[in-house]
N, C-alpha and C. Protein backbone atom coordinates (compact mmCIF):
# COMPACT_ATOMS: atom_id res chain seq x y z
N UNK A 1 -51.03 -106.04 -34.74
CA UNK A 1 -50.52 -104.90 -35.48
C UNK A 1 -49.24 -104.37 -34.70
N UNK A 2 -48.21 -104.18 -35.52
CA UNK A 2 -46.86 -103.76 -34.94
C UNK A 2 -47.03 -102.20 -34.70
N UNK A 3 -46.04 -101.84 -33.78
CA UNK A 3 -46.05 -100.31 -33.39
C UNK A 3 -45.78 -99.46 -34.59
N UNK A 4 -44.74 -100.01 -35.42
CA UNK A 4 -44.47 -99.24 -36.67
C UNK A 4 -45.72 -98.87 -37.56
N UNK A 5 -46.66 -99.79 -37.52
CA UNK A 5 -47.76 -99.56 -38.34
C UNK A 5 -48.83 -98.69 -37.62
N UNK A 6 -48.85 -98.69 -36.31
CA UNK A 6 -49.77 -97.76 -35.57
C UNK A 6 -49.34 -96.37 -35.55
N UNK A 7 -48.01 -96.18 -35.40
CA UNK A 7 -47.46 -94.78 -35.20
C UNK A 7 -46.64 -94.51 -36.46
N UNK A 8 -47.18 -93.48 -37.29
CA UNK A 8 -46.55 -93.15 -38.57
C UNK A 8 -45.15 -92.65 -38.43
N UNK A 9 -44.79 -92.03 -37.45
CA UNK A 9 -43.36 -91.48 -37.19
C UNK A 9 -42.36 -92.78 -36.99
N UNK A 10 -42.79 -93.81 -36.56
CA UNK A 10 -41.90 -94.98 -36.28
C UNK A 10 -41.82 -95.89 -37.56
N UNK A 11 -42.44 -95.49 -38.72
CA UNK A 11 -42.46 -96.37 -39.78
C UNK A 11 -41.15 -96.73 -40.36
N UNK A 12 -40.19 -95.80 -40.32
CA UNK A 12 -38.75 -96.09 -40.78
C UNK A 12 -37.82 -96.73 -39.84
N UNK A 13 -38.33 -96.92 -38.59
CA UNK A 13 -37.56 -97.51 -37.56
C UNK A 13 -37.49 -99.02 -37.71
N UNK A 14 -36.33 -99.52 -37.61
CA UNK A 14 -36.04 -101.08 -37.51
C UNK A 14 -35.17 -101.43 -36.41
N UNK A 15 -35.10 -102.61 -35.98
CA UNK A 15 -34.14 -103.08 -35.02
C UNK A 15 -32.67 -102.69 -35.42
N UNK A 16 -32.32 -102.78 -36.77
CA UNK A 16 -31.05 -102.39 -37.19
C UNK A 16 -30.79 -100.88 -36.96
N UNK A 17 -31.72 -100.08 -37.17
CA UNK A 17 -31.53 -98.62 -37.01
C UNK A 17 -31.36 -98.24 -35.55
N UNK A 18 -32.14 -98.99 -34.72
CA UNK A 18 -31.95 -98.70 -33.25
C UNK A 18 -30.68 -99.18 -32.81
N UNK A 19 -30.13 -100.36 -33.21
CA UNK A 19 -28.88 -100.80 -32.90
C UNK A 19 -27.75 -99.90 -33.35
N UNK A 20 -27.87 -99.43 -34.59
CA UNK A 20 -26.89 -98.58 -35.16
C UNK A 20 -26.82 -97.18 -34.31
N UNK A 21 -28.00 -96.59 -34.00
CA UNK A 21 -28.07 -95.33 -33.18
C UNK A 21 -27.43 -95.58 -31.74
N UNK A 22 -27.85 -96.74 -31.08
CA UNK A 22 -27.28 -97.01 -29.94
C UNK A 22 -25.77 -97.11 -29.77
N UNK A 23 -25.31 -97.77 -30.93
CA UNK A 23 -23.81 -98.03 -30.96
C UNK A 23 -23.08 -96.66 -31.15
N UNK A 24 -23.61 -95.74 -32.10
CA UNK A 24 -23.00 -94.59 -32.35
C UNK A 24 -22.96 -93.63 -31.17
N UNK A 25 -24.09 -93.55 -30.47
CA UNK A 25 -24.21 -92.68 -29.30
C UNK A 25 -23.19 -93.14 -28.19
N UNK A 26 -23.09 -94.51 -27.96
CA UNK A 26 -22.11 -95.06 -26.99
C UNK A 26 -20.62 -94.71 -27.33
N UNK A 27 -20.28 -94.90 -28.63
CA UNK A 27 -19.01 -94.58 -29.03
C UNK A 27 -18.72 -93.02 -28.94
N UNK A 28 -19.64 -92.17 -29.21
CA UNK A 28 -19.42 -90.76 -29.10
C UNK A 28 -19.23 -90.37 -27.57
N UNK A 29 -19.99 -91.07 -26.77
CA UNK A 29 -19.92 -90.90 -25.31
C UNK A 29 -18.69 -91.39 -24.63
N UNK A 30 -17.74 -92.04 -25.49
CA UNK A 30 -16.47 -92.49 -24.96
C UNK A 30 -16.43 -93.91 -24.52
N UNK A 31 -17.49 -94.67 -24.72
CA UNK A 31 -17.41 -96.07 -24.28
C UNK A 31 -16.22 -96.85 -24.84
N UNK A 32 -15.42 -97.58 -24.15
CA UNK A 32 -14.30 -98.32 -24.73
C UNK A 32 -14.81 -99.39 -25.83
N UNK A 33 -14.10 -99.30 -26.97
CA UNK A 33 -14.49 -100.19 -28.04
C UNK A 33 -14.58 -101.62 -27.72
N UNK A 34 -13.66 -102.11 -26.83
CA UNK A 34 -13.65 -103.52 -26.50
C UNK A 34 -14.92 -103.92 -25.71
N UNK A 35 -15.36 -103.03 -24.70
CA UNK A 35 -16.54 -103.22 -23.99
C UNK A 35 -17.91 -103.25 -24.90
N UNK A 36 -17.85 -102.28 -25.81
CA UNK A 36 -18.89 -102.20 -26.74
C UNK A 36 -19.07 -103.32 -27.54
N UNK A 37 -17.90 -103.89 -28.07
CA UNK A 37 -17.88 -105.09 -28.85
C UNK A 37 -18.47 -106.26 -28.09
N UNK A 38 -18.10 -106.34 -26.82
CA UNK A 38 -18.62 -107.47 -26.02
C UNK A 38 -20.10 -107.24 -25.73
N UNK A 39 -20.55 -106.10 -25.54
CA UNK A 39 -21.89 -105.79 -25.29
C UNK A 39 -22.83 -106.24 -26.52
N UNK A 40 -22.28 -105.91 -27.67
CA UNK A 40 -23.04 -106.22 -28.96
C UNK A 40 -22.86 -107.58 -29.49
N UNK A 41 -21.93 -108.25 -28.88
CA UNK A 41 -21.67 -109.69 -29.19
C UNK A 41 -20.96 -109.83 -30.54
N UNK A 42 -20.11 -108.90 -30.83
CA UNK A 42 -19.24 -108.93 -32.00
C UNK A 42 -17.84 -109.46 -31.97
N UNK A 43 -17.41 -110.01 -32.97
CA UNK A 43 -15.96 -110.47 -32.85
C UNK A 43 -15.14 -109.28 -32.93
N UNK A 44 -13.81 -109.36 -32.59
CA UNK A 44 -12.96 -108.33 -32.54
C UNK A 44 -12.61 -107.81 -33.89
N UNK A 45 -12.82 -106.34 -33.96
CA UNK A 45 -12.59 -105.68 -35.23
C UNK A 45 -13.70 -105.61 -36.19
N UNK A 46 -14.80 -106.43 -36.01
CA UNK A 46 -15.94 -106.47 -36.83
C UNK A 46 -16.66 -105.22 -36.73
N UNK A 47 -16.72 -104.55 -35.73
CA UNK A 47 -17.67 -103.42 -35.62
C UNK A 47 -17.15 -102.12 -36.28
N UNK A 48 -15.92 -101.75 -36.08
CA UNK A 48 -15.54 -100.36 -36.34
C UNK A 48 -15.35 -100.00 -37.81
N UNK A 49 -15.23 -100.94 -38.64
CA UNK A 49 -15.08 -100.61 -40.09
C UNK A 49 -16.49 -99.80 -40.45
N UNK A 50 -17.60 -100.35 -39.89
CA UNK A 50 -18.94 -99.87 -40.26
C UNK A 50 -19.28 -98.46 -39.49
N UNK A 51 -18.71 -98.36 -38.33
CA UNK A 51 -19.26 -97.19 -37.57
C UNK A 51 -18.19 -95.95 -37.49
N UNK A 52 -16.95 -96.15 -37.87
CA UNK A 52 -15.94 -95.10 -37.55
C UNK A 52 -16.31 -93.84 -38.45
N UNK A 53 -17.03 -94.08 -39.64
CA UNK A 53 -17.36 -92.93 -40.51
C UNK A 53 -18.29 -91.91 -39.84
N UNK A 54 -19.06 -92.42 -38.81
CA UNK A 54 -20.06 -91.61 -38.19
C UNK A 54 -19.59 -90.87 -36.98
N UNK A 55 -18.34 -91.06 -36.56
CA UNK A 55 -17.71 -90.45 -35.40
C UNK A 55 -17.12 -89.17 -35.82
């Protein structure tokens, strides 16, 4: 049984939602975009069209 099934509060959580929250928090904390792209394994420019609306 997965943790999401055991704990009702985690039911909506996915790997994607964790990655999204992690990325937004690092951007808000001032992490350089180039370093964050490298950390996430993304091509140049691929990341920020998706996340800039949340900043």
